[in-house]
Protein backbone atom coordinates (compact mmCIF):
# COMPACT_ATOMS: atom_id res chain seq x y z
CA UNK A 1 -22.14 -26.23 -48.25
CA UNK A 2 -19.55 -25.76 -45.56
CA UNK A 3 -16.29 -24.16 -46.58
CA UNK A 4 -12.95 -25.98 -46.05
CA UNK A 5 -11.90 -23.42 -43.44
CA UNK A 6 -15.09 -23.98 -41.47
CA UNK A 7 -14.60 -27.74 -41.64
CA UNK A 8 -11.01 -27.34 -40.41
CA UNK A 9 -12.16 -25.21 -37.47
CA UNK A 10 -14.81 -27.73 -36.50
CA UNK A 11 -12.38 -30.63 -36.75
CA UNK A 12 -9.80 -28.78 -34.66
CA UNK A 13 -12.33 -28.03 -31.93
CA UNK A 14 -13.74 -31.56 -31.98
CA UNK A 15 -10.25 -33.01 -31.72
CA UNK A 16 -9.36 -30.83 -28.74
CA UNK A 17 -12.65 -31.60 -27.00
CA UNK A 18 -12.01 -35.30 -27.57
CA UNK A 19 -8.50 -35.01 -26.13
CA UNK A 20 -9.88 -33.26 -23.05
CA UNK A 21 -12.68 -35.80 -22.73
CA UNK A 22 -10.16 -38.64 -22.79
CA UNK A 23 -8.58 -37.16 -19.65
CA UNK A 24 -11.99 -36.84 -18.00
CA UNK A 25 -15.48 -36.45 -19.50
CA UNK A 26 -16.12 -33.30 -17.46
CA UNK A 27 -12.96 -31.76 -18.89
CA UNK A 28 -14.27 -32.36 -22.39
CA UNK A 29 -17.40 -30.47 -21.42
CA UNK A 30 -15.34 -27.55 -20.08
CA UNK A 31 -13.34 -27.25 -23.30
CA UNK A 32 -16.53 -27.61 -25.30
CA UNK A 33 -18.10 -24.65 -23.50
CA UNK A 34 -14.92 -22.61 -23.99
CA UNK A 35 -14.92 -23.48 -27.69
CA UNK A 36 -18.54 -22.36 -28.05
CA UNK A 37 -17.79 -19.05 -26.34
CA UNK A 38 -14.34 -18.27 -27.77
CA UNK A 39 -14.28 -20.42 -30.92
CA UNK A 40 -12.14 -18.39 -33.38
CA UNK A 41 -9.70 -17.20 -30.72
CA UNK A 42 -9.47 -20.69 -29.25
CA UNK A 43 -8.71 -22.26 -32.62
CA UNK A 44 -5.94 -19.74 -33.32
CA UNK A 45 -4.41 -20.53 -29.93
CA UNK A 46 -5.18 -24.22 -29.71
CA UNK A 47 -1.67 -24.84 -28.43
CA UNK A 48 -2.51 -22.75 -25.36
CA UNK A 49 -5.46 -25.02 -24.58
CA UNK A 50 -3.20 -28.04 -24.94
CA UNK A 51 -0.81 -26.49 -22.41
CA UNK A 52 -3.64 -26.26 -19.88
CA UNK A 53 -4.68 -29.84 -20.61
CA UNK A 54 -1.09 -30.96 -20.07
CA UNK A 55 -1.11 -29.28 -16.65
CA UNK A 56 -4.24 -31.21 -15.73
CA UNK A 57 -2.96 -34.50 -17.14
CA UNK A 58 0.39 -34.18 -15.35
CA UNK A 59 -1.11 -33.73 -11.88
CA UNK A 60 -4.00 -36.17 -11.33
CA UNK A 61 -3.61 -35.92 -7.56
CA UNK A 62 -4.54 -32.24 -7.75
CA UNK A 63 -6.98 -32.32 -10.67
CA UNK A 64 -9.14 -35.11 -9.30
CA UNK A 65 -12.38 -36.36 -10.81
CA UNK A 66 -14.33 -34.63 -8.03
CA UNK A 67 -12.59 -31.32 -8.74
CA UNK A 68 -13.17 -31.52 -12.49
CA UNK A 69 -16.85 -32.27 -11.85
CA UNK A 70 -17.20 -29.24 -9.54
CA UNK A 71 -19.30 -26.55 -11.22
CA UNK A 72 -17.36 -23.72 -9.60
CA UNK A 73 -14.11 -25.16 -10.92
CA UNK A 74 -15.63 -25.63 -14.36
CA UNK A 75 -16.82 -22.01 -14.50
CA UNK A 76 -13.42 -20.79 -13.31
CA UNK A 77 -11.55 -22.89 -15.86
CA UNK A 78 -13.65 -21.53 -18.73
CA UNK A 79 -12.85 -17.97 -17.65
CA UNK A 80 -9.20 -18.90 -17.23
CA UNK A 81 -9.01 -20.34 -20.75
CA UNK A 82 -10.30 -17.07 -22.19
CA UNK A 83 -7.55 -15.03 -20.53
CA UNK A 84 -4.83 -17.60 -21.13
CA UNK A 85 -5.34 -17.99 -24.89
CA UNK A 86 -5.10 -14.22 -25.37
CA UNK A 87 -1.75 -13.82 -23.58
CA UNK A 88 1.48 -13.73 -25.63
CA UNK A 89 4.32 -13.42 -23.10
CA UNK A 90 5.77 -16.80 -22.11
CA UNK A 91 6.78 -15.78 -18.58
CA UNK A 92 3.31 -14.41 -17.93
CA UNK A 93 1.79 -17.64 -19.26
CA UNK A 94 3.90 -19.57 -16.76
CA UNK A 95 2.66 -17.35 -13.93
CA UNK A 96 -0.92 -17.82 -15.11
CA UNK A 97 -0.54 -21.61 -15.01
CA UNK A 98 0.71 -21.35 -11.43
CA UNK A 99 -2.30 -19.18 -10.58
CA UNK A 100 -4.55 -21.81 -12.13
CA UNK A 101 -2.99 -24.52 -9.96
CA UNK A 102 -3.38 -22.23 -6.96
CA UNK A 103 -7.07 -22.00 -7.83
CA UNK A 104 -7.29 -25.80 -7.99
CA UNK A 105 -5.60 -26.06 -4.56
CA UNK A 106 -7.83 -23.45 -2.91
CA UNK A 107 -9.92 -24.63 0.06
CA UNK A 108 -12.77 -22.49 -1.26
CA UNK A 109 -12.96 -22.13 -5.04
CA UNK A 110 -15.57 -19.43 -4.69
CA UNK A 111 -13.28 -17.28 -2.55
CA UNK A 112 -10.16 -17.63 -4.69
CA UNK A 113 -9.53 -14.42 -6.72
CA UNK A 114 -8.97 -16.21 -10.03
CA UNK A 115 -10.29 -13.41 -12.23
CA UNK A 116 -8.40 -10.75 -10.28
CA UNK A 117 -5.10 -12.66 -10.42
CA UNK A 118 -5.26 -13.58 -14.10
CA UNK A 119 -6.37 -10.08 -15.06
CA UNK A 120 -3.51 -8.67 -13.00
CA UNK A 121 -0.97 -10.85 -14.82
CA UNK A 122 -2.34 -9.84 -18.21
CA UNK A 123 -2.20 -6.12 -17.38
CA UNK A 124 1.32 -6.14 -15.95
CA UNK A 125 4.24 -5.40 -18.23
CA UNK A 126 7.35 -7.56 -18.23
CA UNK A 127 9.20 -4.66 -16.58
CA UNK A 128 6.56 -4.45 -13.85
CA UNK A 129 7.10 -8.10 -12.95
CA UNK A 130 10.88 -7.66 -12.91
CA UNK A 131 10.57 -4.62 -10.66
CA UNK A 132 8.20 -6.42 -8.31
CA UNK A 133 10.70 -9.29 -7.99
CA UNK A 134 13.32 -6.69 -7.07
CA UNK A 135 10.93 -5.23 -4.48
CA UNK A 136 10.47 -8.68 -2.95
CA UNK A 137 14.24 -9.10 -2.70
CA UNK A 138 14.63 -5.71 -1.03
CA UNK A 139 11.77 -6.52 1.32
CA UNK A 140 13.68 -9.61 2.43
CA UNK A 141 16.86 -7.62 2.85
CA UNK A 142 15.03 -5.13 5.06
CA UNK A 143 13.52 -7.97 7.09
CA UNK A 144 9.99 -7.20 5.93
CA UNK A 145 9.16 -10.89 6.12
CA UNK A 146 9.68 -10.96 9.89
CA UNK A 147 6.86 -10.37 12.43
CA UNK A 148 5.60 -8.43 14.32
CA UNK A 149 3.80 -5.65 12.46
CA UNK A 150 5.86 -3.75 9.95
CA UNK A 151 6.18 -0.20 11.18
CA UNK A 152 8.26 1.29 8.38
CA UNK A 153 8.47 0.69 4.67
CA UNK A 154 11.63 -0.19 2.79
CA UNK A 155 13.38 2.05 0.29
CA UNK A 156 12.87 1.04 -3.35
CA UNK A 157 15.53 2.92 -5.28
CA UNK A 158 13.83 2.91 -8.66
CA UNK A 159 12.20 5.74 -10.55
CA UNK A 160 8.96 6.70 -8.76
CA UNK A 161 6.96 6.53 -12.00
CA UNK A 162 7.81 2.82 -12.37
CA UNK A 163 7.14 2.15 -8.69
CA UNK A 164 3.83 3.98 -8.92
CA UNK A 165 2.61 1.41 -11.47
CA UNK A 166 3.00 -1.34 -8.87
CA UNK A 167 1.18 0.84 -6.34
CA UNK A 168 -1.58 1.40 -8.91
CA UNK A 169 -1.96 -2.36 -9.47
CA UNK A 170 -2.11 -2.92 -5.71
CA UNK A 171 1.10 -4.94 -5.38
CA UNK A 172 2.83 -2.24 -3.33
CA UNK A 173 1.59 0.28 -0.77
CA UNK A 174 3.22 3.64 -0.23
CA UNK A 175 4.65 4.51 3.18
CA UNK A 176 3.54 8.12 3.26
CA UNK A 177 5.10 8.75 6.65
CA UNK A 178 8.52 8.46 5.04
CA UNK A 179 7.79 9.88 1.59
CA UNK A 180 7.68 13.60 1.00
CA UNK A 181 5.15 14.95 -1.52
CA UNK A 182 7.92 15.75 -4.00
CA UNK A 183 8.98 12.10 -4.19
CA UNK A 184 5.60 11.11 -5.61
CA UNK A 185 6.07 13.24 -8.72
CA UNK A 186 6.79 11.12 -11.79
CA UNK A 187 9.57 13.51 -12.87
CA UNK A 188 11.42 13.23 -9.57
CA UNK A 189 14.49 10.94 -9.72
CA UNK A 190 14.29 10.09 -6.03
CA UNK A 191 12.93 6.99 -4.38
CA UNK A 192 9.87 5.74 -2.60
CA UNK A 193 9.40 3.96 0.70
CA UNK A 194 6.89 1.18 0.18
CA UNK A 195 5.38 -1.95 1.70
CA UNK A 196 4.49 -5.18 -0.10
CA UNK A 197 0.68 -5.25 0.02
CA UNK A 198 -1.37 -8.30 1.06
CA UNK A 199 -2.28 -8.73 -2.63
CA UNK A 200 1.43 -8.49 -3.44
CA UNK A 201 2.31 -11.29 -1.02
CA UNK A 202 -0.40 -13.47 -2.50
CA UNK A 203 0.78 -12.72 -6.04
CA UNK A 204 4.40 -13.40 -5.02
CA UNK A 205 3.58 -17.06 -4.44
CA UNK A 206 2.99 -17.54 -8.14
CA UNK A 207 6.39 -16.14 -9.09
CA UNK A 208 8.05 -19.19 -7.53
CA UNK A 209 7.77 -22.81 -8.57
CA UNK A 210 7.01 -24.20 -5.11
CA UNK A 211 4.57 -21.49 -3.93
CA UNK A 212 6.41 -21.41 -0.59
CA UNK A 213 6.79 -17.67 0.02
CA UNK A 214 5.11 -16.85 3.35
CA UNK A 215 2.00 -14.71 3.35
CA UNK A 216 1.79 -11.56 5.45
CA UNK A 217 -1.65 -10.10 5.86
CA UNK A 218 -0.68 -7.16 8.05
CA UNK A 219 -1.47 -3.79 6.52
CA UNK A 220 0.60 -0.89 7.77
CA UNK A 221 -1.32 2.11 9.05
CA UNK A 222 -1.76 4.84 6.48
CA UNK A 223 -2.02 8.26 8.07
CA UNK A 224 -3.87 9.78 5.13
């Protein structure tokens, strides 16, 4: 005999699958697969799944029937659900939803770095995101958005240990021509000269509502 808790879990999953299927049958299948793979976690965070469904429901011009029926999109959405339901920070959840819409907009779903972007958001701390926003502002102030090739990095006057986290995650690149070895020490209160990396510019799009930040793919020469 099934226990009441088990019955509740099954009913919750069936209800969510039915809600997704009412939007589009393929979407019901996607949520069904996610439920089979991540059942207990999905039930505990059923509200997170509903947030994703609301994104799909609210933008039928983006989430078309053809897109929802695309196997690459379906696989990506299942992976996205797993990461999304495990996240707790509301700002990071907002960024993840923007990444998900970026995935849906991508000319090539197979080439879009969905796993890399969502994993990056989950690993970043709130302070990392705030510091990266500051770096973007300083990049603008130092005209880093303007072609041609950037020859020199801009000065990020934050503790090098905090800046080094963004370098570690690939959002920033160090300008070693301008940084002395002593500046790279985590105990040094100085500053670092850095560039926004190509990954950083791509990630920056999802920190804004309209995704309109320009992309710069130029990588400054590293003498090391």
